[in-house]
């Protein structure tokens, strides 16, 4: 039975425990409320994907630094899919994605949906200063922040991490989309697992957030942000055999596919070779769920090519991750004068 542990202290040994060993120590997903000099708390979630460990390492180092002194602001830390973390996996087979089950997504009566609803209800009752959900990429990507509302609080929080910011409204059920109803919220993409600079960057961001008295209400200057809008999600049709650098596959993706992330690709860029008879190698959905593959891609002489200039993100060489999530997202550059969302209440 999946049960949320809620604590008001750090369990003994937690700050010395690596992600694969958290299941044995905690027993399951855990929400820890810690006091600080200011209220309301900063909410931080880590390990929603069990193989994305930089956020947990950053949280450990942050709390180690404050073992003998009070936190500048109260902190509520949610440690998510520890069962998948034990095996170094994004999620276990049969599990829903822990970053697709938050309020506002597709309603489903799973243990995971009920568990994160408890987390959300608890934080709504306590109040939230700001929220950060920490992740890694499996492919080559820069460090960047994602927002789901284009209000100044979210944008200022995002640029505290860096100038590269991605705005998206799909998929539903992600943590930052839910928490944006309560306070400024971001998802942080901290590069690949095992890179010290990703942990350092996340740590610096969290510490800075704890020291903030407030987030500015003025507009983020245009010269301080590179803002992109996710306009479509690219999926792999489940019936097709897909591989990277394997000519025998129905869809044979190029060997250095992830090097195309955050590059503005010209029309005619080759992404894969496609076996004869395969007419729809990709399933491309816009923000309204409509299939729009022909707008972005075309087949020519067995090659899958971009039809128009576009910029992908989250391309990876790991086919398991592609299957569990998606092949990539497609983005367009927008300005800070893009229509803003109303602020969170």
Protein backbone atom coordinates (compact mmCIF):
# COMPACT_ATOMS: atom_id res chain seq x y z
CA UNK A 1 0.00 0.00 0.00
CA UNK A 2 1.36 3.42 -0.97
CA UNK A 3 1.27 5.80 1.98
CA UNK A 4 2.57 9.33 2.43
CA UNK A 5 4.95 9.85 5.33
CA UNK A 6 4.68 13.35 6.82
CA UNK A 7 7.45 14.45 9.18
CA UNK A 8 8.47 17.61 11.05
CA UNK A 9 12.12 16.60 11.40
CA UNK A 10 14.95 15.02 9.47
CA UNK A 11 15.22 11.27 10.11
CA UNK A 12 18.58 10.13 11.45
CA UNK A 13 21.00 9.43 8.65
CA UNK A 14 18.88 11.07 5.94
CA UNK A 15 21.54 13.59 4.94
CA UNK A 16 24.04 10.77 4.36
CA UNK A 17 21.65 8.57 2.39
CA UNK A 18 22.02 8.26 -1.39
CA UNK A 19 18.90 8.18 -3.56
CA UNK A 20 18.91 4.36 -4.10
CA UNK A 21 18.83 3.82 -0.31
CA UNK A 22 15.95 6.18 0.53
CA UNK A 23 13.32 3.48 0.12
CA UNK A 24 14.92 1.45 2.90
CA UNK A 25 15.24 4.47 5.19
CA UNK A 26 11.90 6.21 4.54
CA UNK A 27 9.68 3.37 3.39
CA UNK A 28 7.93 5.48 0.75
CA UNK A 29 7.27 9.01 -0.49
CA UNK A 30 7.89 11.52 2.28
CA UNK A 31 6.93 15.14 2.96
CA UNK A 32 9.16 16.88 5.50
CA UNK A 33 8.22 20.26 7.03
CA UNK A 34 11.12 22.20 8.55
CA UNK A 35 10.84 25.54 10.41
CA UNK A 36 12.66 28.70 9.38
CA UNK A 37 12.94 32.39 10.19
CA UNK A 38 10.30 33.34 7.62
CA UNK A 39 6.95 31.91 6.60
CA UNK A 40 5.32 30.65 4.42
CA UNK A 41 7.57 27.81 3.34
CA UNK A 42 9.48 27.22 0.16
CA UNK A 43 8.16 23.97 -1.33
CA UNK A 44 10.70 21.73 -3.06
CA UNK A 45 10.08 18.37 -4.72
CA UNK A 46 12.82 15.94 -5.71
CA UNK A 47 12.95 12.45 -7.20
CA UNK A 48 9.58 12.61 -8.91
CA UNK A 49 11.63 10.66 -11.43
CA UNK A 50 13.68 8.13 -9.54
CA UNK A 51 16.75 8.32 -11.76
CA UNK A 52 17.03 12.13 -11.60
CA UNK A 53 19.11 12.58 -8.49
CA UNK A 54 20.70 16.05 -8.70
CA UNK A 55 17.78 17.64 -6.87
CA UNK A 56 18.10 15.25 -3.94
CA UNK A 57 21.86 15.82 -3.76
CA UNK A 58 21.31 19.59 -3.78
CA UNK A 59 18.69 19.32 -1.02
CA UNK A 60 21.06 17.19 1.07
CA UNK A 61 23.87 19.71 0.75
CA UNK A 62 21.51 22.59 1.55
CA UNK A 63 20.29 20.93 4.73
CA UNK A 64 23.80 19.90 5.72
CA UNK A 65 24.81 23.56 5.54
CA UNK A 66 22.02 24.51 7.99
CA UNK A 67 22.35 21.65 10.47
CA UNK A 68 23.58 23.97 13.21
CA UNK A 69 21.60 27.12 12.39
CA UNK A 70 18.02 27.96 11.47
CA UNK A 71 16.87 28.01 7.87
CA UNK A 72 16.30 31.55 6.54
CA UNK A 73 12.80 30.45 5.50
CA UNK A 74 10.67 27.44 6.34
CA UNK A 75 11.12 24.56 3.91
CA UNK A 76 8.74 21.77 2.92
CA UNK A 77 10.58 19.00 1.05
CA UNK A 78 8.77 16.25 -0.85
CA UNK A 79 10.89 13.19 -1.67
CA UNK A 80 8.96 11.36 -4.37
CA UNK A 81 9.44 8.06 -6.16
CA UNK A 82 11.90 6.34 -3.84
CA UNK A 83 10.82 2.91 -5.12
CA UNK A 84 12.04 3.79 -8.63
CA UNK A 85 15.12 5.54 -7.18
CA UNK A 86 16.12 2.23 -5.54
CA UNK A 87 16.56 0.75 -9.02
CA UNK A 88 17.79 3.90 -10.75
CA UNK A 89 14.68 4.14 -12.95
CA UNK A 90 12.47 7.04 -13.99
CA UNK A 91 9.44 5.02 -12.84
CA UNK A 92 8.67 1.37 -12.30
CA UNK A 93 6.73 -0.60 -14.89
CA UNK A 94 3.09 -0.29 -13.97
CA UNK A 95 3.57 2.98 -12.10
CA UNK A 96 2.21 6.27 -13.40
CA UNK A 97 4.73 9.04 -13.87
CA UNK A 98 5.05 10.96 -10.58
CA UNK A 99 5.18 14.18 -12.59
CA UNK A 100 1.87 13.52 -14.38
CA UNK A 101 -0.40 12.81 -11.41
CA UNK A 102 -0.74 16.24 -9.75
CA UNK A 103 -4.05 18.12 -9.47
CA UNK A 104 -5.19 19.65 -12.73
CA UNK A 105 -4.20 16.62 -14.79
CA UNK A 106 -6.21 13.68 -15.98
CA UNK A 107 -8.31 12.53 -13.05
CA UNK A 108 -7.51 8.94 -12.09
CA UNK A 109 -8.04 7.06 -8.86
CA UNK A 110 -4.55 5.62 -8.46
CA UNK A 111 -2.59 5.48 -5.21
CA UNK A 112 -0.12 7.98 -6.69
CA UNK A 113 -2.86 10.49 -7.58
CA UNK A 114 -4.28 10.23 -4.06
CA UNK A 115 -0.85 10.60 -2.48
CA UNK A 116 0.15 13.79 -4.29
CA UNK A 117 -3.33 15.22 -3.66
CA UNK A 118 -2.50 14.88 0.04
CA UNK A 119 0.76 16.76 -0.50
CA UNK A 120 -1.01 19.51 -2.43
CA UNK A 121 -3.81 19.87 0.13
CA UNK A 122 -1.30 20.07 2.99
CA UNK A 123 0.72 22.78 1.23
CA UNK A 124 -2.38 24.75 0.23
CA UNK A 125 -3.41 24.82 3.90
CA UNK A 126 0.06 25.93 5.05
CA UNK A 127 0.62 28.49 2.31
CA UNK A 128 3.52 28.46 -0.15
CA UNK A 129 6.09 31.18 -0.79
CA UNK A 130 7.35 29.57 -4.00
CA UNK A 131 7.70 26.08 -5.45
CA UNK A 132 10.57 24.35 -7.25
CA UNK A 133 10.50 20.87 -8.77
CA UNK A 134 14.03 19.62 -9.55
CA UNK A 135 14.84 17.34 -12.48
CA UNK A 136 17.60 16.09 -14.75
CA UNK A 137 17.70 15.47 -18.50
CA UNK A 138 18.98 12.24 -20.03
CA UNK A 139 20.12 13.99 -23.22
CA UNK A 140 22.38 16.98 -23.76
CA UNK A 141 20.50 20.13 -22.73
CA UNK A 142 21.48 23.41 -21.12
CA UNK A 143 20.32 24.13 -17.59
CA UNK A 144 16.94 25.84 -17.82
CA UNK A 145 13.77 26.62 -15.91
CA UNK A 146 10.21 25.88 -17.00
CA UNK A 147 7.10 27.86 -16.10
CA UNK A 148 3.42 27.16 -16.72
CA UNK A 149 2.15 30.67 -16.16
CA UNK A 150 3.56 33.81 -17.72
CA UNK A 151 3.22 36.02 -14.68
CA UNK A 152 6.05 38.09 -13.27
CA UNK A 153 6.42 36.01 -10.10
CA UNK A 154 7.04 32.83 -12.07
CA UNK A 155 9.37 34.58 -14.51
CA UNK A 156 11.45 36.20 -11.76
CA UNK A 157 11.72 32.86 -9.98
CA UNK A 158 12.80 31.19 -13.23
CA UNK A 159 15.47 33.78 -14.04
CA UNK A 160 16.92 33.29 -10.58
CA UNK A 161 18.06 29.94 -12.02
CA UNK A 162 19.15 31.29 -15.41
CA UNK A 163 18.14 33.27 -18.47
CA UNK A 164 16.85 30.27 -20.47
CA UNK A 165 13.16 29.79 -19.64
CA UNK A 166 10.59 27.49 -21.29
CA UNK A 167 6.85 28.14 -21.02
CA UNK A 168 4.54 25.14 -21.47
CA UNK A 169 0.93 24.21 -20.72
CA UNK A 170 1.06 20.53 -21.73
CA UNK A 171 1.46 17.87 -20.46
CA UNK A 172 -1.08 18.26 -17.69
CA UNK A 173 -0.57 16.87 -14.22
CA UNK A 174 2.93 18.22 -13.69
CA UNK A 175 3.91 19.51 -10.27
CA UNK A 176 4.75 23.07 -11.32
CA UNK A 177 1.43 23.48 -13.13
CA UNK A 178 -0.46 22.46 -10.00
CA UNK A 179 1.57 24.62 -7.62
CA UNK A 180 1.35 27.68 -9.89
CA UNK A 181 -2.21 27.95 -8.55
CA UNK A 182 -0.74 28.58 -5.09
CA UNK A 183 2.46 30.57 -5.67
CA UNK A 184 5.19 31.24 -8.24
CA UNK A 185 6.35 27.81 -9.40
CA UNK A 186 9.10 26.45 -11.62
CA UNK A 187 10.50 23.18 -12.87
CA UNK A 188 14.30 23.20 -12.96
CA UNK A 189 16.18 21.09 -15.49
CA UNK A 190 19.65 20.64 -13.99
CA UNK A 191 21.50 18.91 -16.82
CA UNK A 192 22.52 15.28 -16.78
CA UNK A 193 22.84 13.07 -13.71
CA UNK A 194 26.37 12.86 -12.34
CA UNK A 195 27.42 16.36 -13.31
CA UNK A 196 28.58 18.31 -10.26
CA UNK A 197 27.69 21.64 -11.81
CA UNK A 198 24.02 20.64 -11.96
CA UNK A 199 23.98 19.96 -8.21
CA UNK A 200 25.90 23.18 -7.53
CA UNK A 201 23.47 25.18 -9.66
CA UNK A 202 20.40 23.72 -7.95
CA UNK A 203 21.95 24.29 -4.51
CA UNK A 204 22.68 27.95 -5.27
CA UNK A 205 19.10 28.44 -6.49
CA UNK A 206 17.54 26.85 -3.39
CA UNK A 207 19.72 28.84 -1.02
CA UNK A 208 18.89 32.06 -2.85
CA UNK A 209 15.16 31.29 -2.61
CA UNK A 210 15.40 30.72 1.13
CA UNK A 211 16.98 34.17 1.52
CA UNK A 212 14.34 36.02 -0.52
CA UNK A 213 11.98 38.31 1.33
CA UNK A 214 9.70 38.56 -1.71
CA UNK A 215 9.72 38.13 -5.46
CA UNK A 216 9.72 41.37 -7.51
CA UNK A 217 6.47 42.49 -9.07
CA UNK A 218 8.05 44.55 -11.86
CA UNK A 219 8.51 43.12 -15.34
CA UNK A 220 11.53 40.95 -16.10
CA UNK A 221 13.72 43.00 -18.48
CA UNK A 222 13.80 41.54 -21.98
CA UNK A 223 17.61 41.46 -21.95
CA UNK A 224 17.58 39.18 -18.88
CA UNK A 225 15.62 36.29 -20.39
CA UNK A 226 15.55 33.96 -23.38
CA UNK A 227 11.94 32.81 -23.37
CA UNK A 228 10.64 29.86 -25.38
CA UNK A 229 7.13 28.43 -25.79
CA UNK A 230 6.53 24.69 -26.17
CA UNK A 231 4.10 24.36 -29.07
CA UNK A 232 4.06 20.59 -29.62
CA UNK A 233 5.07 17.26 -28.11
CA UNK A 234 6.56 14.50 -30.26
CA UNK A 235 5.76 10.89 -29.36
CA UNK A 236 6.90 7.57 -30.81
CA UNK A 237 4.09 5.35 -32.14
CA UNK A 238 4.11 2.28 -29.86
CA UNK A 239 3.84 -0.22 -32.70
CA UNK A 240 7.09 0.85 -34.41
CA UNK A 241 10.55 -0.50 -33.60
CA UNK A 242 12.73 2.52 -32.76
CA UNK A 243 16.46 2.61 -32.10
CA UNK A 244 19.42 4.96 -32.17
CA UNK A 245 22.05 4.26 -34.86
CA UNK A 246 20.55 0.87 -35.74
CA UNK A 247 19.74 0.47 -39.47
CA UNK A 248 17.53 -2.56 -38.75
CA UNK A 249 14.97 -0.44 -36.84
CA UNK A 250 11.83 0.86 -38.51
CA UNK A 251 12.79 4.31 -37.22
CA UNK A 252 16.56 4.68 -36.97
CA UNK A 253 17.36 7.91 -35.10
CA UNK A 254 20.65 9.65 -35.80
CA UNK A 255 23.50 8.84 -33.42
CA UNK A 256 23.99 12.38 -32.08
CA UNK A 257 20.30 13.24 -31.82
CA UNK A 258 20.54 14.91 -28.41
CA UNK A 259 23.04 17.44 -29.70
CA UNK A 260 20.14 19.12 -31.49
CA UNK A 261 18.53 20.27 -28.23
CA UNK A 262 18.01 24.03 -27.96
CA UNK A 263 19.38 24.56 -31.45
CA UNK A 264 17.30 26.45 -33.97
CA UNK A 265 17.26 23.83 -36.73
CA UNK A 266 16.74 24.82 -40.35
CA UNK A 267 14.13 23.13 -42.52
CA UNK A 268 15.54 19.95 -44.02
CA UNK A 269 17.45 18.80 -40.92
CA UNK A 270 17.59 14.97 -40.86
CA UNK A 271 16.51 13.26 -37.65
CA UNK A 272 16.20 9.62 -38.71
CA UNK A 273 15.97 7.12 -41.53
CA UNK A 274 12.67 5.33 -41.90
CA UNK A 275 11.99 1.83 -43.25
CA UNK A 276 9.92 1.42 -46.43
CA UNK A 277 6.19 1.31 -45.76
CA UNK A 278 6.33 3.44 -42.59
CA UNK A 279 4.19 6.48 -43.33
CA UNK A 280 3.81 8.03 -39.87
CA UNK A 281 7.03 7.59 -37.88
CA UNK A 282 6.02 10.20 -35.29
CA UNK A 283 2.90 11.26 -33.41
CA UNK A 284 3.04 15.04 -32.91
CA UNK A 285 0.46 16.78 -30.71
CA UNK A 286 -0.08 20.50 -30.22
CA UNK A 287 -1.27 22.11 -26.98
CA UNK A 288 -4.87 21.18 -27.83
CA UNK A 289 -4.07 17.52 -28.49
CA UNK A 290 -4.38 17.80 -32.26
CA UNK A 291 -2.08 15.72 -34.49
CA UNK A 292 0.14 18.24 -36.32
CA UNK A 293 3.03 16.11 -37.57
CA UNK A 294 2.76 17.26 -41.17
CA UNK A 295 3.26 20.86 -40.07
CA UNK A 296 6.72 20.10 -38.66
CA UNK A 297 8.12 17.00 -40.43
CA UNK A 298 8.23 15.30 -43.83
CA UNK A 299 9.56 12.08 -45.33
CA UNK A 300 11.87 12.20 -48.34
CA UNK A 301 13.70 9.20 -49.82
CA UNK A 302 13.55 7.32 -46.52
CA UNK A 303 14.76 10.26 -44.43
CA UNK A 304 12.74 11.99 -41.71
CA UNK A 305 13.33 15.72 -42.16
CA UNK A 306 12.16 18.90 -40.49
CA UNK A 307 9.67 20.69 -42.71
CA UNK A 308 10.06 24.11 -41.07
CA UNK A 309 12.66 25.76 -38.82
CA UNK A 310 12.15 24.54 -35.26
CA UNK A 311 13.88 24.13 -31.91
CA UNK A 312 13.65 20.81 -29.98
CA UNK A 313 14.28 20.16 -26.30
CA UNK A 314 14.67 17.00 -24.21
CA UNK A 315 15.89 14.80 -27.04
CA UNK A 316 17.64 11.79 -25.54
CA UNK A 317 19.45 8.69 -26.77
CA UNK A 318 17.64 6.48 -24.23
CA UNK A 319 14.76 4.73 -26.03
CA UNK A 320 13.22 3.58 -22.72
CA UNK A 321 12.89 7.23 -21.66
CA UNK A 322 11.45 8.12 -25.08
CA UNK A 323 8.80 5.45 -24.59
CA UNK A 324 7.99 6.44 -21.01
CA UNK A 325 7.78 10.16 -21.78
CA UNK A 326 8.23 11.47 -25.32
CA UNK A 327 10.83 11.89 -28.04
CA UNK A 328 11.04 15.66 -27.57
CA UNK A 329 9.22 18.95 -27.31
CA UNK A 330 9.14 21.57 -30.08
CA UNK A 331 9.57 25.21 -29.12
CA UNK A 332 9.34 28.69 -30.56
CA UNK A 333 11.05 31.81 -29.24
CA UNK A 334 8.68 34.39 -27.74
CA UNK A 335 9.13 37.76 -26.07
CA UNK A 336 8.32 38.94 -22.57
CA UNK A 337 5.43 40.92 -24.07
CA UNK A 338 3.67 37.60 -24.83
CA UNK A 339 0.21 37.69 -23.14
CA UNK A 340 0.72 37.25 -19.42
CA UNK A 341 -1.25 34.93 -17.20
CA UNK A 342 -3.15 36.38 -14.23
CA UNK A 343 -1.14 36.03 -11.01
CA UNK A 344 -1.79 33.11 -8.69
CA UNK A 345 -4.31 33.90 -5.98
